[in-house]
Amino acid sequence: MNIEDALAPVLRDMRNTGAPTPKVSFKSEDLTNYWLATLTASDGSSHGISLDLSLPREYVIAAAAVGAQEWVFDELQIVGGTNWPPCPLHPRNHPLDAAVRDGNPAWVCPAEHTLITEIGALK
């Protein structure tokens, strides 16, 4: 797995749900499998996500989703919200959590631990 593949499902979810989308750049942190993905907003602010590409694919994608979600939260605070992606079971209460379920990176309701969809499949 490469760094672009790790972020692709998360960026797809961001676009499909109308969330803010960043400019993304990548850089190897050292000579190992650690990479830094930098998400940059239109105002120049940025957020880094450090990913260990030696981990199984599903864990790398879930970690990328957690980091991207933090970036979206920061961007949404400007307009008074932080709920992305909103939980379809409790849309006013909390966002979904990124997790690994049944060997797949997934969005899960944090209150009921219910699998909602695979990361990359939000509409």
PDB file of N, CA and C in Angstrom:
ATOM      1  N   MET A   1       0.847  -1.187   0.000  1.00  0.00           N
ATOM      2  CA  MET A   1       0.000   0.000   0.000  1.00  0.00           C
ATOM      3  C   MET A   1       0.884   1.238   0.000  1.00  0.00           C
ATOM      4  N   ASN A   2       0.487   2.224  -0.772  1.00  0.00           N
ATOM      5  CA  ASN A   2       1.226   3.478  -0.743  1.00  0.00           C
ATOM      6  C   ASN A   2       0.366   4.556  -0.066  1.00  0.00           C
ATOM      7  N   ILE A   3       0.969   5.673   0.188  1.00  0.00           N
ATOM      8  CA  ILE A   3       0.317   6.747   0.945  1.00  0.00           C
ATOM      9  C   ILE A   3      -0.909   7.297   0.220  1.00  0.00           C
ATOM     10  N   GLU A   4      -0.850   7.410  -1.091  1.00  0.00           N
ATOM     11  CA  GLU A   4      -1.997   7.914  -1.846  1.00  0.00           C
ATOM     12  C   GLU A   4      -3.193   6.969  -1.728  1.00  0.00           C
ATOM     13  N   ASP A   5      -2.925   5.654  -1.780  1.00  0.00           N
ATOM     14  CA  ASP A   5      -3.991   4.659  -1.639  1.00  0.00           C
ATOM     15  C   ASP A   5      -4.610   4.689  -0.248  1.00  0.00           C
ATOM     16  N   ALA A   6      -3.810   5.014   0.755  1.00  0.00           N
ATOM     17  CA  ALA A   6      -4.319   5.073   2.127  1.00  0.00           C
ATOM     18  C   ALA A   6      -5.334   6.197   2.298  1.00  0.00           C
ATOM     19  N   LEU A   7      -5.084   7.324   1.647  1.00  0.00           N
ATOM     20  CA  LEU A   7      -5.980   8.479   1.793  1.00  0.00           C
ATOM     21  C   LEU A   7      -7.126   8.506   0.795  1.00  0.00           C
ATOM     22  N   ALA A   8      -7.018   7.778  -0.292  1.00  0.00           N
ATOM     23  CA  ALA A   8      -8.034   7.847  -1.357  1.00  0.00           C
ATOM     24  C   ALA A   8      -9.461   7.583  -0.868  1.00  0.00           C
ATOM     25  N   PRO A   9      -9.730   6.538  -0.073  1.00  0.00           N
ATOM     26  CA  PRO A   9     -11.122   6.311   0.361  1.00  0.00           C
ATOM     27  C   PRO A   9     -11.659   7.442   1.244  1.00  0.00           C
ATOM     28  N   VAL A  10     -10.794   7.996   2.076  1.00  0.00           N
ATOM     29  CA  VAL A  10     -11.216   9.082   2.970  1.00  0.00           C
ATOM     30  C   VAL A  10     -11.520  10.342   2.172  1.00  0.00           C
ATOM     31  N   LEU A  11     -10.657  10.660   1.218  1.00  0.00           N
ATOM     32  CA  LEU A  11     -10.897  11.837   0.375  1.00  0.00           C
ATOM     33  C   LEU A  11     -12.176  11.664  -0.440  1.00  0.00           C
ATOM     34  N   ARG A  12     -12.445  10.443  -0.877  1.00  0.00           N
ATOM     35  CA  ARG A  12     -13.699  10.164  -1.601  1.00  0.00           C
ATOM     36  C   ARG A  12     -14.907  10.436  -0.697  1.00  0.00           C
ATOM     37  N   ASP A  13     -14.833   9.999   0.563  1.00  0.00           N
ATOM     38  CA  ASP A  13     -15.930  10.268   1.509  1.00  0.00           C
ATOM     39  C   ASP A  13     -16.107  11.766   1.733  1.00  0.00           C
ATOM     40  N   MET A  14     -15.014  12.490   1.808  1.00  0.00           N
ATOM     41  CA  MET A  14     -15.092  13.940   2.000  1.00  0.00           C
ATOM     42  C   MET A  14     -15.803  14.588   0.815  1.00  0.00           C
ATOM     43  N   ARG A  15     -15.403  14.219  -0.388  1.00  0.00           N
ATOM     44  CA  ARG A  15     -16.036  14.793  -1.591  1.00  0.00           C
ATOM     45  C   ARG A  15     -17.510  14.387  -1.688  1.00  0.00           C
ATOM     46  N   ASN A  16     -17.798  13.115  -1.445  1.00  0.00           N
ATOM     47  CA  ASN A  16     -19.170  12.609  -1.600  1.00  0.00           C
ATOM     48  C   ASN A  16     -20.150  13.205  -0.596  1.00  0.00           C
ATOM     49  N   THR A  17     -19.648  13.655   0.543  1.00  0.00           N
ATOM     50  CA  THR A  17     -20.538  14.190   1.576  1.00  0.00           C
ATOM     51  C   THR A  17     -20.527  15.714   1.637  1.00  0.00           C
ATOM     52  N   GLY A  18     -19.763  16.353   0.756  1.00  0.00           N
ATOM     53  CA  GLY A  18     -19.717  17.809   0.746  1.00  0.00           C
ATOM     54  C   GLY A  18     -18.853  18.410   1.838  1.00  0.00           C
ATOM     55  N   ALA A  19     -18.020  17.597   2.470  1.00  0.00           N
ATOM     56  CA  ALA A  19     -17.109  18.120   3.496  1.00  0.00           C
ATOM     57  C   ALA A  19     -16.031  18.958   2.818  1.00  0.00           C
ATOM     58  N   PRO A  20     -15.384  19.830   3.565  1.00  0.00           N
ATOM     59  CA  PRO A  20     -14.254  20.556   2.985  1.00  0.00           C
ATOM     60  C   PRO A  20     -13.218  19.543   2.496  1.00  0.00           C
ATOM     61  N   THR A  21     -12.541  19.863   1.417  1.00  0.00           N
ATOM     62  CA  THR A  21     -11.500  18.976   0.909  1.00  0.00           C
ATOM     63  C   THR A  21     -10.173  19.732   0.856  1.00  0.00           C
ATOM     64  N   PRO A  22      -9.121  19.081   1.294  1.00  0.00           N
ATOM     65  CA  PRO A  22      -7.820  19.744   1.371  1.00  0.00           C
ATOM     66  C   PRO A  22      -6.973  19.548   0.135  1.00  0.00           C
ATOM     67  N   LYS A  23      -5.937  20.349   0.039  1.00  0.00           N
ATOM     68  CA  LYS A  23      -4.822  20.057  -0.856  1.00  0.00           C
ATOM     69  C   LYS A  23      -3.954  19.079  -0.054  1.00  0.00           C
ATOM     70  N   VAL A  24      -3.476  18.026  -0.699  1.00  0.00           N
ATOM     71  CA  VAL A  24      -2.734  16.988   0.019  1.00  0.00           C
ATOM     72  C   VAL A  24      -1.319  16.877  -0.535  1.00  0.00           C
ATOM     73  N   SER A  25      -0.352  16.802   0.365  1.00  0.00           N
ATOM     74  CA  SER A  25       1.033  16.536  -0.036  1.00  0.00           C
ATOM     75  C   SER A  25       1.584  15.424   0.855  1.00  0.00           C
ATOM     76  N   PHE A  26       2.589  14.734   0.356  1.00  0.00           N
ATOM     77  CA  PHE A  26       3.137  13.578   1.052  1.00  0.00           C
ATOM     78  C   PHE A  26       4.647  13.702   1.155  1.00  0.00           C
ATOM     79  N   LYS A  27       5.175  13.120   2.230  1.00  0.00           N
ATOM     80  CA  LYS A  27       6.624  13.094   2.377  1.00  0.00           C
ATOM     81  C   LYS A  27       6.992  11.935   3.283  1.00  0.00           C
ATOM     82  N   SER A  28       8.057  11.253   2.927  1.00  0.00           N
ATOM     83  CA  SER A  28       8.566  10.167   3.764  1.00  0.00           C
ATOM     84  C   SER A  28       9.192  10.790   5.001  1.00  0.00           C
ATOM     85  N   GLU A  29       8.864  10.245   6.187  1.00  0.00           N
ATOM     86  CA  GLU A  29       9.412  10.802   7.424  1.00  0.00           C
ATOM     87  C   GLU A  29      10.836  10.317   7.684  1.00  0.00           C
ATOM     88  N   ASP A  30      11.167   9.154   7.185  1.00  0.00           N
ATOM     89  CA  ASP A  30      12.518   8.607   7.343  1.00  0.00           C
ATOM     90  C   ASP A  30      12.682   7.476   6.336  1.00  0.00           C
ATOM     91  N   LEU A  31      13.584   6.593   6.569  1.00  0.00           N
ATOM     92  CA  LEU A  31      13.830   5.513   5.613  1.00  0.00           C
ATOM     93  C   LEU A  31      12.986   4.272   5.883  1.00  0.00           C
ATOM     94  N   THR A  32      11.997   4.390   6.734  1.00  0.00           N
ATOM     95  CA  THR A  32      11.116   3.261   7.030  1.00  0.00           C
ATOM     96  C   THR A  32       9.810   3.441   6.274  1.00  0.00           C
ATOM     97  N   ASN A  33       8.764   2.819   6.757  1.00  0.00           N
ATOM     98  CA  ASN A  33       7.454   2.906   6.114  1.00  0.00           C
ATOM     99  C   ASN A  33       6.588   4.034   6.662  1.00  0.00           C
ATOM    100  N   TYR A  34       7.148   4.933   7.455  1.00  0.00           N
ATOM    101  CA  TYR A  34       6.372   6.049   7.997  1.00  0.00           C
ATOM    102  C   TYR A  34       6.320   7.187   6.980  1.00  0.00           C
ATOM    103  N   TRP A  35       5.114   7.666   6.732  1.00  0.00           N
ATOM    104  CA  TRP A  35       4.905   8.780   5.811  1.00  0.00           C
ATOM    105  C   TRP A  35       4.066   9.848   6.491  1.00  0.00           C
ATOM    106  N   LEU A  36       4.265  11.064   6.073  1.00  0.00           N
ATOM    107  CA  LEU A  36       3.475  12.187   6.557  1.00  0.00           C
ATOM    108  C   LEU A  36       2.621  12.697   5.411  1.00  0.00           C
ATOM    109  N   ALA A  37       1.309  12.713   5.636  1.00  0.00           N
ATOM    110  CA  ALA A  37       0.382  13.332   4.691  1.00  0.00           C
ATOM    111  C   ALA A  37       0.001  14.674   5.301  1.00  0.00           C
ATOM    112  N   THR A  38       0.165  15.739   4.552  1.00  0.00           N
ATOM    113  CA  THR A  38      -0.195  17.068   5.032  1.00  0.00           C
ATOM    114  C   THR A  38      -1.445  17.521   4.293  1.00  0.00           C
ATOM    115  N   LEU A  39      -2.490  17.829   5.072  1.00  0.00           N
ATOM    116  CA  LEU A  39      -3.754  18.326   4.529  1.00  0.00           C
ATOM    117  C   LEU A  39      -3.757  19.831   4.732  1.00  0.00           C
ATOM    118  N   THR A  40      -3.907  20.581   3.645  1.00  0.00           N
ATOM    119  CA  THR A  40      -3.825  22.035   3.714  1.00  0.00           C
ATOM    120  C   THR A  40      -5.133  22.659   3.230  1.00  0.00           C
ATOM    121  N   ALA A  41      -5.639  23.602   4.016  1.00  0.00           N
ATOM    122  CA  ALA A  41      -6.872  24.326   3.688  1.00  0.00           C
ATOM    123  C   ALA A  41      -6.563  25.492   2.761  1.00  0.00           C
ATOM    124  N   SER A  42      -7.610  26.076   2.220  1.00  0.00           N
ATOM    125  CA  SER A  42      -7.438  27.207   1.299  1.00  0.00           C
ATOM    126  C   SER A  42      -6.802  28.415   1.984  1.00  0.00           C
ATOM    127  N   ASP A  43      -6.942  28.521   3.317  1.00  0.00           N
ATOM    128  CA  ASP A  43      -6.337  29.641   4.033  1.00  0.00           C
ATOM    129  C   ASP A  43      -4.876  29.379   4.404  1.00  0.00           C
ATOM    130  N   GLY A  44      -4.353  28.208   4.025  1.00  0.00           N
ATOM    131  CA  GLY A  44      -2.956  27.882   4.294  1.00  0.00           C
ATOM    132  C   GLY A  44      -2.729  27.084   5.564  1.00  0.00           C
ATOM    133  N   SER A  45      -3.749  26.960   6.411  1.00  0.00           N
ATOM    134  CA  SER A  45      -3.586  26.153   7.617  1.00  0.00           C
ATOM    135  C   SER A  45      -3.485  24.683   7.229  1.00  0.00           C
ATOM    136  N   SER A  46      -2.749  23.914   8.029  1.00  0.00           N
ATOM    137  CA  SER A  46      -2.557  22.516   7.654  1.00  0.00           C
ATOM    138  C   SER A  46      -2.581  21.601   8.870  1.00  0.00           C
ATOM    139  N   HIS A  47      -2.726  20.328   8.573  1.00  0.00           N
ATOM    140  CA  HIS A  47      -2.778  19.277   9.593  1.00  0.00           C
ATOM    141  C   HIS A  47      -2.004  18.093   9.036  1.00  0.00           C
ATOM    142  N   GLY A  48      -1.122  17.528   9.839  1.00  0.00           N
ATOM    143  CA  GLY A  48      -0.339  16.386   9.395  1.00  0.00           C
ATOM    144  C   GLY A  48      -0.892  15.077   9.926  1.00  0.00           C
ATOM    145  N   ILE A  49      -0.804  14.057   9.096  1.00  0.00           N
ATOM    146  CA  ILE A  49      -1.211  12.712   9.488  1.00  0.00           C
ATOM    147  C   ILE A  49      -0.018  11.797   9.264  1.00  0.00           C
ATOM    148  N   SER A  50       0.492  11.206  10.329  1.00  0.00           N
ATOM    149  CA  SER A  50       1.606  10.280  10.215  1.00  0.00           C
ATOM    150  C   SER A  50       1.050   8.865  10.095  1.00  0.00           C
ATOM    151  N   LEU A  51       1.470   8.156   9.049  1.00  0.00           N
ATOM    152  CA  LEU A  51       0.948   6.814   8.797  1.00  0.00           C
ATOM    153  C   LEU A  51       2.090   5.821   8.651  1.00  0.00           C
ATOM    154  N   ASP A  52       1.930   4.669   9.279  1.00  0.00           N
ATOM    155  CA  ASP A  52       2.886   3.572   9.179  1.00  0.00           C
ATOM    156  C   ASP A  52       2.378   2.605   8.116  1.00  0.00           C
ATOM    157  N   LEU A  53       2.964   2.655   6.949  1.00  0.00           N
ATOM    158  CA  LEU A  53       2.494   1.844   5.831  1.00  0.00           C
ATOM    159  C   LEU A  53       2.865   0.368   5.947  1.00  0.00           C
ATOM    160  N   SER A  54       3.592   0.003   7.008  1.00  0.00           N
ATOM    161  CA  SER A  54       3.897  -1.417   7.210  1.00  0.00           C
ATOM    162  C   SER A  54       2.738  -2.143   7.895  1.00  0.00           C
ATOM    163  N   LEU A  55       1.777  -1.390   8.420  1.00  0.00           N
ATOM    164  CA  LEU A  55       0.604  -1.996   9.059  1.00  0.00           C
ATOM    165  C   LEU A  55      -0.339  -2.557   7.999  1.00  0.00           C
ATOM    166  N   PRO A  56      -1.252  -3.453   8.395  1.00  0.00           N
ATOM    167  CA  PRO A  56      -2.238  -3.947   7.432  1.00  0.00           C
ATOM    168  C   PRO A  56      -3.068  -2.792   6.855  1.00  0.00           C
ATOM    169  N   ARG A  57      -3.441  -2.940   5.597  1.00  0.00           N
ATOM    170  CA  ARG A  57      -4.173  -1.934   4.830  1.00  0.00           C
ATOM    171  C   ARG A  57      -5.340  -1.326   5.599  1.00  0.00           C
ATOM    172  N   GLU A  58      -6.172  -2.154   6.200  1.00  0.00           N
ATOM    173  CA  GLU A  58      -7.367  -1.656   6.879  1.00  0.00           C
ATOM    174  C   GLU A  58      -7.035  -0.725   8.040  1.00  0.00           C
ATOM    175  N   TYR A  59      -5.925  -0.981   8.743  1.00  0.00           N
ATOM    176  CA  TYR A  59      -5.534  -0.124   9.865  1.00  0.00           C
ATOM    177  C   TYR A  59      -4.945   1.196   9.374  1.00  0.00           C
ATOM    178  N   VAL A  60      -4.238   1.148   8.267  1.00  0.00           N
ATOM    179  CA  VAL A  60      -3.676   2.382   7.699  1.00  0.00           C
ATOM    180  C   VAL A  60      -4.804   3.300   7.229  1.00  0.00           C
ATOM    181  N   ILE A  61      -5.803   2.743   6.550  1.00  0.00           N
ATOM    182  CA  ILE A  61      -6.930   3.558   6.069  1.00  0.00           C
ATOM    183  C   ILE A  61      -7.721   4.121   7.243  1.00  0.00           C
ATOM    184  N   ALA A  62      -7.959   3.321   8.274  1.00  0.00           N
ATOM    185  CA  ALA A  62      -8.684   3.816   9.452  1.00  0.00           C
ATOM    186  C   ALA A  62      -7.904   4.947  10.126  1.00  0.00           C
ATOM    187  N   ALA A  63      -6.592   4.802  10.232  1.00  0.00           N
ATOM    188  CA  ALA A  63      -5.770   5.865  10.828  1.00  0.00           C
ATOM    189  C   ALA A  63      -5.808   7.129   9.962  1.00  0.00           C
ATOM    190  N   ALA A  64      -5.785   6.956   8.647  1.00  0.00           N
ATOM    191  CA  ALA A  64      -5.892   8.107   7.746  1.00  0.00           C
ATOM    192  C   ALA A  64      -7.231   8.805   7.940  1.00  0.00           C
ATOM    193  N   ALA A  65      -8.294   8.026   8.146  1.00  0.00           N
ATOM    194  CA  ALA A  65      -9.629   8.599   8.353  1.00  0.00           C
ATOM    195  C   ALA A  65      -9.681   9.407   9.649  1.00  0.00           C
ATOM    196  N   VAL A  66      -9.062   8.895  10.699  1.00  0.00           N
ATOM    197  CA  VAL A  66      -9.034   9.633  11.973  1.00  0.00           C
ATOM    198  C   VAL A  66      -8.327  10.972  11.792  1.00  0.00           C
ATOM    199  N   GLY A  67      -7.187  10.966  11.140  1.00  0.00           N
ATOM    200  CA  GLY A  67      -6.445  12.210  10.922  1.00  0.00           C
ATOM    201  C   GLY A  67      -7.191  13.183  10.038  1.00  0.00           C
ATOM    202  N   ALA A  68      -7.789  12.683   8.967  1.00  0.00           N
ATOM    203  CA  ALA A  68      -8.559  13.553   8.073  1.00  0.00           C
ATOM    204  C   ALA A  68      -9.784  14.112   8.781  1.00  0.00           C
ATOM    205  N   GLN A  69     -10.403  13.302   9.613  1.00  0.00           N
ATOM    206  CA  GLN A  69     -11.575  13.757  10.365  1.00  0.00           C
ATOM    207  C   GLN A  69     -11.205  14.928  11.281  1.00  0.00           C
ATOM    208  N   GLU A  70     -10.037  14.877  11.890  1.00  0.00           N
ATOM    209  CA  GLU A  70      -9.584  15.995  12.732  1.00  0.00           C
ATOM    210  C   GLU A  70      -9.433  17.259  11.893  1.00  0.00           C
ATOM    211  N   TRP A  71      -8.895  17.122  10.680  1.00  0.00           N
ATOM    212  CA  TRP A  71      -8.759  18.276   9.791  1.00  0.00           C
ATOM    213  C   TRP A  71     -10.129  18.844   9.435  1.00  0.00           C
ATOM    214  N   VAL A  72     -11.079  17.983   9.099  1.00  0.00           N
ATOM    215  CA  VAL A  72     -12.436  18.436   8.766  1.00  0.00           C
ATOM    216  C   VAL A  72     -13.064  19.134   9.966  1.00  0.00           C
ATOM    217  N   PHE A  73     -12.893  18.577  11.179  1.00  0.00           N
ATOM    218  CA  PHE A  73     -13.428  19.225  12.381  1.00  0.00           C
ATOM    219  C   PHE A  73     -12.920  20.659  12.480  1.00  0.00           C
ATOM    220  N   ASP A  74     -11.608  20.836  12.295  1.00  0.00           N
ATOM    221  CA  ASP A  74     -11.022  22.179  12.369  1.00  0.00           C
ATOM    222  C   ASP A  74     -11.640  23.109  11.329  1.00  0.00           C
ATOM    223  N   GLU A  75     -11.819  22.604  10.107  1.00  0.00           N
ATOM    224  CA  GLU A  75     -12.403  23.418   9.048  1.00  0.00           C
ATOM    225  C   GLU A  75     -13.866  23.752   9.326  1.00  0.00           C
ATOM    226  N   LEU A  76     -14.611  22.799   9.856  1.00  0.00           N
ATOM    227  CA  LEU A  76     -16.036  23.022  10.122  1.00  0.00           C
ATOM    228  C   LEU A  76     -16.274  23.953  11.314  1.00  0.00           C
ATOM    229  N   GLN A  77     -15.322  24.047  12.221  1.00  0.00           N
ATOM    230  CA  GLN A  77     -15.476  24.960  13.359  1.00  0.00           C
ATOM    231  C   GLN A  77     -15.648  26.394  12.900  1.00  0.00           C
ATOM    232  N   ILE A  78     -15.092  26.715  11.750  1.00  0.00           N
ATOM    233  CA  ILE A  78     -15.203  28.069  11.202  1.00  0.00           C
ATOM    234  C   ILE A  78     -16.667  28.418  10.950  1.00  0.00           C
ATOM    235  N   VAL A  79     -17.463  27.429  10.536  1.00  0.00           N
ATOM    236  CA  VAL A  79     -18.882  27.666  10.250  1.00  0.00           C
ATOM    237  C   VAL A  79     -19.797  27.125  11.355  1.00  0.00           C
ATOM    238  N   GLY A  80     -19.214  26.758  12.499  1.00  0.00           N
ATOM    239  CA  GLY A  80     -20.017  26.363  13.650  1.00  0.00           C
ATOM    240  C   GLY A  80     -20.371  24.897  13.748  1.00  0.00           C
ATOM    241  N   GLY A  81     -19.629  24.019  13.126  1.00  0.00           N
ATOM    242  CA  GLY A  81     -19.923  22.594  13.236  1.00  0.00           C
ATOM    243  C   GLY A  81     -18.665  21.771  13.339  1.00  0.00           C
ATOM    244  N   THR A  82     -18.785  20.559  13.851  1.00  0.00           N
ATOM    245  CA  THR A  82     -17.643  19.644  13.906  1.00  0.00           C
ATOM    246  C   THR A  82     -18.099  18.206  13.673  1.00  0.00           C
ATOM    247  N   ASN A  83     -19.301  18.032  13.200  1.00  0.00           N
ATOM    248  CA  ASN A  83     -19.897  16.710  13.125  1.00  0.00           C
ATOM    249  C   ASN A  83     -19.725  16.093  11.733  1.00  0.00           C
ATOM    250  N   TRP A  84     -18.520  15.555  11.472  1.00  0.00           N
ATOM    251  CA  TRP A  84     -18.310  14.881  10.199  1.00  0.00           C
ATOM    252  C   TRP A  84     -17.549  13.589  10.393  1.00  0.00           C
ATOM    253  N   PRO A  85     -17.971  12.547   9.707  1.00  0.00           N
ATOM    254  CA  PRO A  85     -19.277  12.416   9.055  1.00  0.00           C
ATOM    255  C   PRO A  85     -20.345  12.189  10.110  1.00  0.00           C
ATOM    256  N   PRO A  86     -21.505  12.808   9.951  1.00  0.00           N
ATOM    257  CA  PRO A  86     -22.543  12.653  10.968  1.00  0.00           C
ATOM    258  C   PRO A  86     -23.037  11.213  11.028  1.00  0.00           C
ATOM    259  N   CYS A  87     -23.301  10.762  12.213  1.00  0.00           N
ATOM    260  CA  CYS A  87     -23.840   9.414  12.405  1.00  0.00           C
ATOM    261  C   CYS A  87     -25.289   9.406  11.915  1.00  0.00           C
ATOM    262  N   PRO A  88     -25.645   8.534  10.977  1.00  0.00           N
ATOM    263  CA  PRO A  88     -27.028   8.519  10.497  1.00  0.00           C
ATOM    264  C   PRO A  88     -28.030   8.072  11.566  1.00  0.00           C
ATOM    265  N   LEU A  89     -27.550   7.385  12.597  1.00  0.00           N
ATOM    266  CA  LEU A  89     -28.435   6.951  13.681  1.00  0.00           C
ATOM    267  C   LEU A  89     -28.664   8.064  14.702  1.00  0.00           C
ATOM    268  N   HIS A  90     -27.696   8.963  14.829  1.00  0.00           N
ATOM    269  CA  HIS A  90     -27.755  10.070  15.806  1.00  0.00           C
ATOM    270  C   HIS A  90     -27.129  11.317  15.193  1.00  0.00           C
ATOM    271  N   PRO A  91     -27.688  11.854  14.101  1.00  0.00           N
ATOM    272  CA  PRO A  91     -27.014  12.912  13.335  1.00  0.00           C
ATOM    273  C   PRO A  91     -26.742  14.202  14.099  1.00  0.00           C
ATOM    274  N   ARG A  92     -27.490  14.466  15.148  1.00  0.00           N
ATOM    275  CA  ARG A  92     -27.255  15.702  15.915  1.00  0.00           C
ATOM    276  C   ARG A  92     -26.328  15.485  17.102  1.00  0.00           C
ATOM    277  N   ASN A  93     -26.027  14.230  17.389  1.00  0.00           N
ATOM    278  CA  ASN A  93     -25.271  13.925  18.601  1.00  0.00           C
ATOM    279  C   ASN A  93     -23.770  13.752  18.409  1.00  0.00           C
ATOM    280  N   HIS A  94     -23.373  13.073  17.340  1.00  0.00           N
ATOM    281  CA  HIS A  94     -21.951  12.771  17.193  1.00  0.00           C
ATOM    282  C   HIS A  94     -21.609  12.348  15.767  1.00  0.00           C
ATOM    283  N   PRO A  95     -20.321  12.451  15.444  1.00  0.00           N
ATOM    284  CA  PRO A  95     -19.856  11.931  14.155  1.00  0.00           C
ATOM    285  C   PRO A  95     -19.596  10.426  14.280  1.00  0.00           C
ATOM    286  N   LEU A  96     -19.364   9.812  13.142  1.00  0.00           N
ATOM    287  CA  LEU A  96     -18.970   8.414  13.122  1.00  0.00           C
ATOM    288  C   LEU A  96     -17.515   8.281  13.557  1.00  0.00           C
ATOM    289  N   ASP A  97     -17.161   7.103  14.040  1.00  0.00           N
ATOM    290  CA  ASP A  97     -15.775   6.788  14.365  1.00  0.00           C
ATOM    291  C   ASP A  97     -15.189   5.917  13.262  1.00  0.00           C
ATOM    292  N   ALA A  98     -13.922   6.102  12.991  1.00  0.00           N
ATOM    293  CA  ALA A  98     -13.206   5.220  12.072  1.00  0.00           C
ATOM    294  C   ALA A  98     -12.693   4.034  12.878  1.00  0.00           C
ATOM    295  N   ALA A  99     -12.879   2.834  12.334  1.00  0.00           N
ATOM    296  CA  ALA A  99     -12.471   1.616  13.023  1.00  0.00           C
ATOM    297  C   ALA A  99     -12.198   0.531  11.986  1.00  0.00           C
ATOM    298  N   VAL A 100     -11.760  -0.605  12.458  1.00  0.00           N
ATOM    299  CA  VAL A 100     -11.615  -1.776  11.603  1.00  0.00           C
ATOM    300  C   VAL A 100     -12.658  -2.787  12.057  1.00  0.00           C
ATOM    301  N   ARG A 101     -13.499  -3.207  11.118  1.00  0.00           N
ATOM    302  CA  ARG A 101     -14.549  -4.191  11.383  1.00  0.00           C
ATOM    303  C   ARG A 101     -14.487  -5.282  10.339  1.00  0.00           C
ATOM    304  N   ASP A 102     -14.463  -6.499  10.778  1.00  0.00           N
ATOM    305  CA  ASP A 102     -14.456  -7.658   9.877  1.00  0.00           C
ATOM    306  C   ASP A 102     -13.365  -7.542   8.806  1.00  0.00           C
ATOM    307  N   GLY A 103     -12.217  -7.006   9.208  1.00  0.00           N
ATOM    308  CA  GLY A 103     -11.092  -6.893   8.293  1.00  0.00           C
ATOM    309  C   GLY A 103     -11.164  -5.749   7.310  1.00  0.00           C
ATOM    310  N   ASN A 104     -12.108  -4.823   7.515  1.00  0.00           N
ATOM    311  CA  ASN A 104     -12.264  -3.685   6.611  1.00  0.00           C
ATOM    312  C   ASN A 104     -12.245  -2.374   7.384  1.00  0.00           C
ATOM    313  N   PRO A 105     -11.718  -1.306   6.759  1.00  0.00           N
ATOM    314  CA  PRO A 105     -11.798   0.012   7.386  1.00  0.00           C
ATOM    315  C   PRO A 105     -13.249   0.482   7.305  1.00  0.00           C
ATOM    316  N   ALA A 106     -13.792   0.933   8.428  1.00  0.00           N
ATOM    317  CA  ALA A 106     -15.228   1.207   8.470  1.00  0.00           C
ATOM    318  C   ALA A 106     -15.554   2.438   9.297  1.00  0.00           C
ATOM    319  N   TRP A 107     -16.723   3.010   8.984  1.00  0.00           N
ATOM    320  CA  TRP A 107     -17.318   4.068   9.803  1.00  0.00           C
ATOM    321  C   TRP A 107     -18.325   3.379  10.725  1.00  0.00           C
ATOM    322  N   VAL A 108     -18.230   3.688  12.022  1.00  0.00           N
ATOM    323  CA  VAL A 108     -19.015   3.008  13.048  1.00  0.00           C
ATOM    324  C   VAL A 108     -19.684   4.033  13.949  1.00  0.00           C
ATOM    325  N   CYS A 109     -20.937   3.756  14.359  1.00  0.00           N
ATOM    326  CA  CYS A 109     -21.607   4.598  15.360  1.00  0.00           C
ATOM    327  C   CYS A 109     -20.901   4.386  16.694  1.00  0.00           C
ATOM    328  N   PRO A 110     -20.375   5.445  17.310  1.00  0.00           N
ATOM    329  CA  PRO A 110     -19.655   5.273  18.569  1.00  0.00           C
ATOM    330  C   PRO A 110     -20.571   4.956  19.754  1.00  0.00           C
ATOM    331  N   ALA A 111     -21.842   5.286  19.652  1.00  0.00           N
ATOM    332  CA  ALA A 111     -22.758   5.023  20.763  1.00  0.00           C
ATOM    333  C   ALA A 111     -23.239   3.577  20.783  1.00  0.00           C
ATOM    334  N   GLU A 112     -23.541   3.040  19.615  1.00  0.00           N
ATOM    335  CA  GLU A 112     -24.093   1.686  19.538  1.00  0.00           C
ATOM    336  C   GLU A 112     -23.104   0.678  18.963  1.00  0.00           C
ATOM    337  N   HIS A 113     -21.927   1.157  18.545  1.00  0.00           N
ATOM    338  CA  HIS A 113     -20.890   0.308  17.950  1.00  0.00           C
ATOM    339  C   HIS A 113     -21.402  -0.418  16.709  1.00  0.00           C
ATOM    340  N   THR A 114     -22.334   0.217  16.014  1.00  0.00           N
ATOM    341  CA  THR A 114     -22.951  -0.343  14.814  1.00  0.00           C
ATOM    342  C   THR A 114     -22.131   0.017  13.593  1.00  0.00           C
ATOM    343  N   LEU A 115     -21.858  -0.967  12.752  1.00  0.00           N
ATOM    344  CA  LEU A 115     -21.186  -0.728  11.491  1.00  0.00           C
ATOM    345  C   LEU A 115     -22.134   0.040  10.579  1.00  0.00           C
ATOM    346  N   ILE A 116     -21.676   1.180  10.051  1.00  0.00           N
ATOM    347  CA  ILE A 116     -22.508   1.980   9.147  1.00  0.00           C
ATOM    348  C   ILE A 116     -22.131   1.689   7.709  1.00  0.00           C
ATOM    349  N   THR A 117     -20.857   1.844   7.363  1.00  0.00           N
ATOM    350  CA  THR A 117     -20.393   1.550   6.001  1.00  0.00           C
ATOM    351  C   THR A 117     -18.876   1.481   5.998  1.00  0.00           C
ATOM    352  N   GLU A 118     -18.337   0.980   4.922  1.00  0.00           N
ATOM    353  CA  GLU A 118     -16.890   0.942   4.762  1.00  0.00           C
ATOM    354  C   GLU A 118     -16.390   2.358   4.469  1.00  0.00           C
ATOM    355  N   ILE A 119     -15.204   2.672   4.963  1.00  0.00           N
ATOM    356  CA  ILE A 119     -14.586   3.962   4.654  1.00  0.00           C
ATOM    357  C   ILE A 119     -14.374   4.019   3.141  1.00  0.00           C
ATOM    358  N   GLY A 120     -14.839   5.091   2.538  1.00  0.00           N
ATOM    359  CA  GLY A 120     -14.771   5.256   1.102  1.00  0.00           C
ATOM    360  C   GLY A 120     -16.112   5.067   0.425  1.00  0.00           C
ATOM    361  N   ALA A 121     -17.129   4.649   1.187  1.00  0.00           N
ATOM    362  CA  ALA A 121     -18.449   4.357   0.600  1.00  0.00           C
ATOM    363  C   ALA A 121     -19.545   5.300   1.071  1.00  0.00           C
ATOM    364  N   LEU A 122     -19.197   6.389   1.762  1.00  0.00           N
ATOM    365  CA  LEU A 122     -20.219   7.343   2.175  1.00  0.00           C
ATOM    366  C   LEU A 122     -20.822   8.015   0.955  1.00  0.00           C
ATOM    367  N   LYS A 123     -22.078   8.340   1.049  1.00  0.00           N
ATOM    368  CA  LYS A 123     -22.794   9.028  -0.037  1.00  0.00           C
ATOM    369  C   LYS A 123     -23.225  10.391   0.441  1.00  0.00           C
TER     370      LYS A 123
END
